[in-house]
Amino acid sequence: MEIELLLLGCGAFVAGFVDAVVGGGGLIQVPLLLAVFPAAPIAVLFGTNKLSSVAGTLTATLHYGRRIRIPKSIAVPAALAALPGAALGAATVSFLPPGTVRPLVLGLLIIVGTYTWLRPDFGRFQGHGLVLGSVKTASALTGFGLGFYDGFFGPGTGSFLVFAFVRLFGLDMVHASASAKLVNLATNVSALAFFLLHQGVMWKVGLVMAGANVCGAYLGSHMTLKHGSGFVRWMLLAIVSVLVVKLSWDLLR
């Protein structure tokens, strides 16, 4: 069991690092949990993943908040609206299999990756976004929509949030990433509460992973603040590329 915990701790550290920058930590933690505990109920493994993710996301959010000014008029409405959005998305799973949206998500990820690749200055500096009306309303709609997606399907939520905050509201990559963490924190707490009430978590495993995730999240947020928007851009491209490959493989299978 010690070796398994060490493996999960290492994976959680990397997941926390990646997630603090641009999201996507679940791509690392969930497959590891499934590999180490193949006989465990899926819902329990997902709950354990969320326990680890909440700790790391909270760490990253606090670290960003101490170092930069998170745009609350954008991040807070999005985070609050993401809560019912994620709950509705999770409820919709019982009526519509998440796999049905995989081709659409794959197409959107390709668009996000291509646009970011072709625009080297995208998100490098704060500028003008596409939103001309109420910023709070637009951010709430963004949070609700991506919260729904996170509850319904999930992969790439962090990347979509960063891209949306840059494109719609004119944030640079660093402030977009920090804002995305606040929204991710809201949806992760909501999901964890659901799993605790209905399925439970593997506490020992989850707490070990949470500690490692916190360390990774601190380092990831520190690297983001130190190296700036260019670092976030390359991480975004890397995560989107991994997601494109994974979803394409899933479709081919």
Protein backbone atom coordinates (compact mmCIF):
# COMPACT_ATOMS: atom_id res chain seq x y z
CA MET A 1 0.00 0.00 0.00
CA GLU A 2 2.94 2.33 0.68
CA ILE A 3 4.11 2.07 -2.93
CA GLU A 4 0.59 2.80 -4.21
CA LEU A 5 0.31 5.84 -1.96
CA LEU A 6 3.70 7.09 -3.15
CA LEU A 7 2.59 6.71 -6.78
CA LEU A 8 -0.69 8.49 -6.11
CA GLY A 9 1.12 11.24 -4.20
CA CYS A 10 3.50 11.85 -7.09
CA GLY A 11 0.60 11.93 -9.52
CA ALA A 12 -1.34 14.32 -7.30
CA PHE A 13 1.68 16.64 -7.09
CA VAL A 14 1.91 16.84 -10.90
CA ALA A 15 -1.87 17.21 -11.13
CA GLY A 16 -1.84 20.09 -8.64
CA PHE A 17 0.92 21.83 -10.59
CA VAL A 18 -0.88 21.52 -13.94
CA ASP A 19 -4.27 22.38 -12.48
CA ALA A 20 -2.97 25.55 -10.81
CA VAL A 21 -1.72 26.85 -14.14
CA VAL A 22 -4.45 25.98 -16.61
CA GLY A 23 -6.59 23.11 -15.28
CA GLY A 24 -6.56 19.47 -16.30
CA GLY A 25 -5.38 17.82 -13.09
CA GLY A 26 -8.17 15.26 -13.30
CA LEU A 27 -6.54 13.88 -16.44
CA ILE A 28 -3.74 12.63 -14.19
CA GLN A 29 -5.46 11.76 -10.91
CA VAL A 30 -8.52 9.88 -12.15
CA PRO A 31 -6.65 7.38 -14.39
CA LEU A 32 -4.16 6.77 -11.56
CA LEU A 33 -6.95 6.06 -9.07
CA LEU A 34 -8.65 3.73 -11.55
CA ALA A 35 -5.37 1.88 -12.14
CA VAL A 36 -4.51 1.48 -8.44
CA PHE A 37 -8.06 0.63 -7.27
CA PRO A 38 -9.74 -1.13 -10.22
CA ALA A 39 -12.34 -2.81 -7.99
CA ALA A 40 -13.39 0.32 -6.11
CA PRO A 41 -16.72 2.01 -6.96
CA ILE A 42 -16.25 4.71 -9.60
CA ALA A 43 -18.16 7.30 -7.56
CA VAL A 44 -15.86 6.75 -4.55
CA LEU A 45 -12.78 7.25 -6.74
CA PHE A 46 -14.28 10.43 -8.21
CA GLY A 47 -15.01 11.69 -4.70
CA THR A 48 -11.42 10.95 -3.65
CA ASN A 49 -10.18 12.86 -6.70
CA LYS A 50 -12.34 15.84 -5.74
CA LEU A 51 -11.05 15.81 -2.15
CA SER A 52 -7.51 16.16 -3.49
CA SER A 53 -8.52 18.72 -6.11
CA VAL A 54 -10.35 20.97 -3.63
CA ALA A 55 -7.23 21.22 -1.45
CA GLY A 56 -4.99 22.10 -4.39
CA THR A 57 -7.44 24.51 -5.99
CA LEU A 58 -7.94 26.35 -2.68
CA THR A 59 -4.17 26.67 -2.29
CA ALA A 60 -3.72 28.06 -5.80
CA THR A 61 -6.64 30.48 -5.37
CA LEU A 62 -5.25 31.85 -2.09
CA HIS A 63 -1.73 32.14 -3.51
CA TYR A 64 -2.99 34.06 -6.54
CA GLY A 65 -5.17 36.25 -4.35
CA ARG A 66 -2.21 37.29 -2.21
CA ARG A 67 -0.03 38.22 -5.17
CA ILE A 68 -2.37 39.73 -7.76
CA ARG A 69 -5.75 41.41 -7.85
CA ILE A 70 -8.29 38.85 -9.04
CA PRO A 71 -11.04 40.71 -10.97
CA LYS A 72 -13.94 39.99 -8.61
CA SER A 73 -16.55 41.57 -10.91
CA ILE A 74 -15.75 38.78 -13.37
CA ALA A 75 -14.63 35.86 -11.21
CA VAL A 76 -17.22 36.01 -8.41
CA PRO A 77 -20.41 36.02 -10.57
CA ALA A 78 -18.91 33.23 -12.68
CA ALA A 79 -18.08 31.16 -9.58
CA LEU A 80 -21.53 31.64 -8.02
CA ALA A 81 -23.33 30.78 -11.26
CA ALA A 82 -21.11 27.74 -11.79
CA LEU A 83 -22.55 26.09 -8.66
CA PRO A 84 -26.11 25.54 -9.97
CA GLY A 85 -24.68 24.97 -13.44
CA ALA A 86 -22.53 22.08 -12.22
CA ALA A 87 -25.42 20.59 -10.25
CA LEU A 88 -27.71 20.75 -13.29
CA GLY A 89 -25.01 19.25 -15.47
CA ALA A 90 -24.53 16.35 -13.07
CA ALA A 91 -28.28 15.76 -12.99
CA THR A 92 -28.46 15.76 -16.79
CA VAL A 93 -26.02 12.83 -17.00
CA SER A 94 -28.83 10.43 -16.10
CA PHE A 95 -30.83 11.56 -19.14
CA LEU A 96 -28.10 12.03 -21.74
CA PRO A 97 -24.81 10.08 -21.85
CA PRO A 98 -21.81 12.48 -21.64
CA GLY A 99 -20.13 10.67 -24.55
CA THR A 100 -22.65 12.21 -26.93
CA VAL A 101 -20.92 15.59 -26.66
CA ARG A 102 -17.39 14.21 -27.19
CA PRO A 103 -17.18 15.15 -30.93
CA LEU A 104 -18.38 18.70 -30.18
CA VAL A 105 -15.89 19.11 -27.33
CA LEU A 106 -13.11 17.78 -29.56
CA GLY A 107 -13.95 20.36 -32.21
CA LEU A 108 -14.02 23.19 -29.66
CA LEU A 109 -10.65 22.14 -28.23
CA ILE A 110 -9.13 22.15 -31.71
CA ILE A 111 -10.49 25.66 -32.27
CA VAL A 112 -9.13 26.87 -28.90
CA GLY A 113 -5.72 25.33 -29.54
CA THR A 114 -5.46 26.60 -33.12
CA TYR A 115 -6.55 30.12 -32.18
CA THR A 116 -4.08 30.28 -29.29
CA TRP A 117 -1.26 28.91 -31.46
CA LEU A 118 -1.88 31.36 -34.30
CA ARG A 119 -2.10 34.36 -31.96
CA PRO A 120 1.23 34.54 -30.06
CA ASP A 121 0.10 37.71 -28.26
CA PHE A 122 -3.26 36.20 -27.20
CA GLY A 123 -3.63 36.87 -23.48
CA ARG A 124 -0.15 38.32 -23.11
CA PHE A 125 -1.51 41.68 -21.98
CA GLN A 126 -4.82 42.91 -20.63
CA GLY A 127 -6.94 44.43 -23.37
CA HIS A 128 -10.45 44.75 -24.72
CA GLY A 129 -12.78 41.78 -24.65
CA LEU A 130 -15.85 40.98 -26.71
CA VAL A 131 -18.36 41.81 -23.96
CA LEU A 132 -19.91 45.23 -24.49
CA GLY A 133 -22.82 45.04 -22.04
CA SER A 134 -22.97 43.97 -18.39
CA VAL A 135 -19.74 42.23 -17.42
CA LYS A 136 -21.35 40.61 -14.37
CA THR A 137 -24.18 39.15 -16.43
CA ALA A 138 -21.80 37.87 -19.08
CA SER A 139 -19.48 36.33 -16.50
CA ALA A 140 -22.42 34.66 -14.73
CA LEU A 141 -23.61 33.14 -18.01
CA THR A 142 -20.06 31.97 -18.73
CA GLY A 143 -19.75 30.42 -15.28
CA PHE A 144 -23.15 28.73 -15.52
CA GLY A 145 -22.43 27.31 -18.97
CA LEU A 146 -18.98 25.98 -18.14
CA GLY A 147 -20.18 24.84 -14.71
CA PHE A 148 -22.87 22.81 -16.47
CA TYR A 149 -20.23 21.36 -18.78
CA ASP A 150 -17.99 20.51 -15.83
CA GLY A 151 -20.81 18.67 -14.07
CA PHE A 152 -21.93 16.93 -17.25
CA PHE A 153 -18.67 15.95 -18.97
CA GLY A 154 -15.68 17.82 -17.52
CA PRO A 155 -12.47 17.41 -19.58
CA GLY A 156 -10.96 20.76 -20.54
CA THR A 157 -13.09 22.91 -18.23
CA GLY A 158 -10.06 24.82 -16.92
CA SER A 159 -8.74 25.43 -20.43
CA PHE A 160 -12.13 26.65 -21.64
CA LEU A 161 -12.38 28.99 -18.64
CA VAL A 162 -8.96 30.52 -19.25
CA PHE A 163 -9.72 30.97 -22.96
CA ALA A 164 -13.14 32.50 -22.22
CA PHE A 165 -11.79 34.95 -19.65
CA VAL A 166 -9.12 36.14 -22.08
CA ARG A 167 -11.31 36.30 -25.18
CA LEU A 168 -14.54 37.62 -23.65
CA PHE A 169 -13.25 39.91 -20.92
CA GLY A 170 -9.79 40.92 -22.14
CA LEU A 171 -7.84 39.48 -19.21
CA ASP A 172 -4.23 38.44 -19.60
CA MET A 173 -3.39 34.75 -19.15
CA VAL A 174 -2.25 35.13 -15.53
CA HIS A 175 -5.40 36.91 -14.34
CA ALA A 176 -7.54 34.55 -16.43
CA SER A 177 -5.89 31.54 -14.78
CA ALA A 178 -6.39 33.02 -11.31
CA SER A 179 -10.05 33.75 -12.07
CA ALA A 180 -10.53 30.24 -13.42
CA LYS A 181 -9.25 28.81 -10.12
CA LEU A 182 -12.01 30.57 -8.21
CA VAL A 183 -14.63 29.04 -10.52
CA ASN A 184 -12.96 25.62 -10.33
CA LEU A 185 -12.95 25.87 -6.55
CA ALA A 186 -16.71 26.45 -6.52
CA THR A 187 -17.51 23.49 -8.78
CA ASN A 188 -15.04 21.20 -6.97
CA VAL A 189 -16.53 22.01 -3.56
CA SER A 190 -20.02 21.40 -4.93
CA ALA A 191 -18.99 18.05 -6.41
CA LEU A 192 -17.15 16.99 -3.24
CA ALA A 193 -20.21 17.80 -1.11
CA PHE A 194 -22.33 15.61 -3.37
CA PHE A 195 -19.93 12.67 -3.14
CA LEU A 196 -19.60 13.01 0.63
CA LEU A 197 -23.38 12.93 1.05
CA HIS A 198 -24.07 10.08 -1.36
CA GLN A 199 -21.03 7.90 -2.01
CA GLY A 200 -18.16 8.85 0.28
CA VAL A 201 -14.42 9.02 -0.32
CA MET A 202 -11.30 7.01 0.52
CA TRP A 203 -10.11 9.29 3.31
CA LYS A 204 -6.57 8.03 3.82
CA VAL A 205 -5.81 8.02 0.10
CA GLY A 206 -7.60 11.32 -0.44
CA LEU A 207 -5.74 13.14 2.32
CA VAL A 208 -2.33 11.88 1.12
CA MET A 209 -3.18 13.02 -2.40
CA ALA A 210 -4.54 16.33 -1.06
CA GLY A 211 -1.23 17.09 0.68
CA ALA A 212 0.72 16.37 -2.50
CA ASN A 213 -1.77 18.33 -4.59
CA VAL A 214 -1.35 21.35 -2.32
CA CYS A 215 2.43 21.29 -2.86
CA GLY A 216 2.00 20.99 -6.62
CA ALA A 217 -0.61 23.75 -6.70
CA TYR A 218 1.63 26.11 -4.75
CA LEU A 219 4.53 25.49 -7.13
CA GLY A 220 2.27 25.82 -10.20
CA SER A 221 0.78 29.12 -9.08
CA HIS A 222 4.26 30.37 -8.12
CA MET A 223 5.62 29.49 -11.56
CA THR A 224 2.68 31.21 -13.22
CA LEU A 225 3.24 34.41 -11.26
CA LYS A 226 6.99 34.26 -11.87
CA HIS A 227 6.99 33.51 -15.61
CA GLY A 228 3.76 35.24 -16.60
CA SER A 229 1.35 34.85 -19.48
CA GLY A 230 3.80 33.16 -21.85
CA PHE A 231 4.16 30.24 -19.44
CA VAL A 232 0.37 29.87 -19.12
CA ARG A 233 -0.01 30.00 -22.91
CA TRP A 234 2.37 27.09 -23.46
CA MET A 235 0.75 25.08 -20.68
CA LEU A 236 -2.65 25.77 -22.22
CA LEU A 237 -1.44 24.52 -25.60
CA ALA A 238 0.07 21.42 -23.99
CA ILE A 239 -3.10 20.50 -22.05
CA VAL A 240 -5.36 21.15 -25.06
CA SER A 241 -3.10 18.95 -27.21
CA VAL A 242 -3.28 16.12 -24.66
CA LEU A 243 -7.07 16.44 -24.49
CA VAL A 244 -7.38 16.41 -28.29
CA VAL A 245 -5.31 13.22 -28.49
CA LYS A 246 -7.26 11.56 -25.67
CA LEU A 247 -10.70 12.41 -27.04
CA SER A 248 -9.68 11.42 -30.55
CA TRP A 249 -8.46 8.06 -29.22
CA ASP A 250 -11.72 7.59 -27.31
CA LEU A 251 -13.74 8.28 -30.47
CA LEU A 252 -11.65 5.89 -32.56
CA ARG A 253 -12.15 3.17 -29.96
